[in-house]
Amino acid sequence: MPSVMIRKSDTGALLFYVAKKDMEETIASVETDTPEAWGGRVELTDGSQWYLDPISPPPRFPTTLRFTRAA
């Protein structure tokens, strides 16, 4: 369960950064992205998928959250 920093890029895209792996990718899609909640299955532009139980209310970015790899 790595800690992941999520921040907005200059263009407004969300960036997903895992420090221990020195991996940074753009988030392609988020399963739940509403004014009430954010999270669920997150797909990155490299095709990998991660999971976070939806958070209510949605977090403010930048933030650090604990994700697991989606099966």
C-alpha atoms as a PDB file:
ATOM      1  CA  MET A   1       0.000   0.000   0.000  1.00  0.00           C
ATOM      2  CA  PRO A   2       2.219   2.823  -1.200  1.00  0.00           C
ATOM      3  CA  SER A   3       1.751   6.459  -0.316  1.00  0.00           C
ATOM      4  CA  VAL A   4       0.921   8.380  -3.468  1.00  0.00           C
ATOM      5  CA  MET A   5       1.128  12.121  -3.938  1.00  0.00           C
ATOM      6  CA  ILE A   6      -1.488  13.554  -6.264  1.00  0.00           C
ATOM      7  CA  ARG A   7      -1.123  17.069  -7.585  1.00  0.00           C
ATOM      8  CA  LYS A   8      -2.418  19.155 -10.462  1.00  0.00           C
ATOM      9  CA  SER A   9      -0.122  19.904 -13.400  1.00  0.00           C
ATOM     10  CA  ASP A  10       0.088  23.309 -15.058  1.00  0.00           C
ATOM     11  CA  THR A  11      -2.527  22.116 -17.556  1.00  0.00           C
ATOM     12  CA  GLY A  12      -4.930  20.982 -14.808  1.00  0.00           C
ATOM     13  CA  ALA A  13      -4.355  17.225 -15.243  1.00  0.00           C
ATOM     14  CA  LEU A  14      -3.912  15.157 -12.090  1.00  0.00           C
ATOM     15  CA  LEU A  15      -0.442  13.649 -11.639  1.00  0.00           C
ATOM     16  CA  PHE A  16       0.088  10.400  -9.669  1.00  0.00           C
ATOM     17  CA  TYR A  17       3.538  10.150  -8.026  1.00  0.00           C
ATOM     18  CA  VAL A  18       4.984   7.177  -6.108  1.00  0.00           C
ATOM     19  CA  ALA A  19       8.239   8.321  -4.485  1.00  0.00           C
ATOM     20  CA  LYS A  20       9.662   4.874  -3.631  1.00  0.00           C
ATOM     21  CA  LYS A  21       9.401   3.861  -7.300  1.00  0.00           C
ATOM     22  CA  ASP A  22      10.217   7.324  -8.676  1.00  0.00           C
ATOM     23  CA  MET A  23       7.139   6.887 -10.873  1.00  0.00           C
ATOM     24  CA  GLU A  24       5.031   9.767 -12.122  1.00  0.00           C
ATOM     25  CA  GLU A  25       2.079   9.285 -14.470  1.00  0.00           C
ATOM     26  CA  THR A  26      -0.976  11.269 -15.464  1.00  0.00           C
ATOM     27  CA  ILE A  27      -4.330  10.020 -14.208  1.00  0.00           C
ATOM     28  CA  ALA A  28      -6.453   9.027 -17.220  1.00  0.00           C
ATOM     29  CA  SER A  29      -9.686   8.256 -15.331  1.00  0.00           C
ATOM     30  CA  VAL A  30     -11.175   8.065 -11.840  1.00  0.00           C
ATOM     31  CA  GLU A  31     -14.149   5.806 -11.112  1.00  0.00           C
ATOM     32  CA  THR A  32     -15.828   8.293  -8.729  1.00  0.00           C
ATOM     33  CA  ASP A  33     -15.184  11.985  -9.370  1.00  0.00           C
ATOM     34  CA  THR A  34     -18.160  13.977  -8.099  1.00  0.00           C
ATOM     35  CA  PRO A  35     -18.608  16.966  -5.790  1.00  0.00           C
ATOM     36  CA  GLU A  36     -19.606  14.459  -3.061  1.00  0.00           C
ATOM     37  CA  ALA A  37     -16.812  11.839  -3.390  1.00  0.00           C
ATOM     38  CA  TRP A  38     -13.523  11.024  -5.128  1.00  0.00           C
ATOM     39  CA  GLY A  39     -11.729   7.692  -5.552  1.00  0.00           C
ATOM     40  CA  GLY A  40     -12.406   4.093  -6.494  1.00  0.00           C
ATOM     41  CA  ARG A  41     -10.493   2.586  -9.419  1.00  0.00           C
ATOM     42  CA  VAL A  42      -7.937   5.000 -10.874  1.00  0.00           C
ATOM     43  CA  GLU A  43      -6.403   4.305 -14.289  1.00  0.00           C
ATOM     44  CA  LEU A  44      -3.110   5.897 -15.315  1.00  0.00           C
ATOM     45  CA  THR A  45      -1.960   6.771 -18.828  1.00  0.00           C
ATOM     46  CA  ASP A  46       0.502   3.835 -18.742  1.00  0.00           C
ATOM     47  CA  GLY A  47      -2.460   1.441 -18.344  1.00  0.00           C
ATOM     48  CA  SER A  48      -1.841   0.530 -14.696  1.00  0.00           C
ATOM     49  CA  GLN A  49      -4.793   0.601 -12.312  1.00  0.00           C
ATOM     50  CA  TRP A  50      -4.863   1.519  -8.630  1.00  0.00           C
ATOM     51  CA  TYR A  51      -7.615   1.583  -6.013  1.00  0.00           C
ATOM     52  CA  LEU A  52      -8.588   3.915  -3.185  1.00  0.00           C
ATOM     53  CA  ASP A  53     -11.832   3.682  -1.199  1.00  0.00           C
ATOM     54  CA  PRO A  54     -13.861   6.745  -2.249  1.00  0.00           C
ATOM     55  CA  ILE A  55     -13.283   9.755   0.006  1.00  0.00           C
ATOM     56  CA  SER A  56     -16.068  12.109   1.003  1.00  0.00           C
ATOM     57  CA  PRO A  57     -15.705  15.041   0.707  1.00  0.00           C
ATOM     58  CA  PRO A  58     -13.189  14.939  -2.177  1.00  0.00           C
ATOM     59  CA  PRO A  59      -9.605  15.849  -1.203  1.00  0.00           C
ATOM     60  CA  ARG A  60      -7.913  19.097  -2.126  1.00  0.00           C
ATOM     61  CA  PHE A  61      -4.827  18.729  -4.283  1.00  0.00           C
ATOM     62  CA  PRO A  62      -1.936  18.357  -3.681  1.00  0.00           C
ATOM     63  CA  THR A  63      -2.493  15.519  -1.221  1.00  0.00           C
ATOM     64  CA  THR A  64      -0.933  12.207  -0.216  1.00  0.00           C
ATOM     65  CA  LEU A  65      -3.136   9.096  -0.077  1.00  0.00           C
ATOM     66  CA  ARG A  66      -2.627   5.328   0.394  1.00  0.00           C
ATOM     67  CA  PHE A  67      -3.469   3.319  -2.743  1.00  0.00           C
ATOM     68  CA  THR A  68      -3.419  -0.387  -3.550  1.00  0.00           C
ATOM     69  CA  ARG A  69      -2.896  -1.953  -6.973  1.00  0.00           C
ATOM     70  CA  ALA A  70      -6.209  -2.880  -8.571  1.00  0.00           C
ATOM     71  CA  ALA A  71      -6.600  -6.540  -9.525  1.00  0.00           C
END
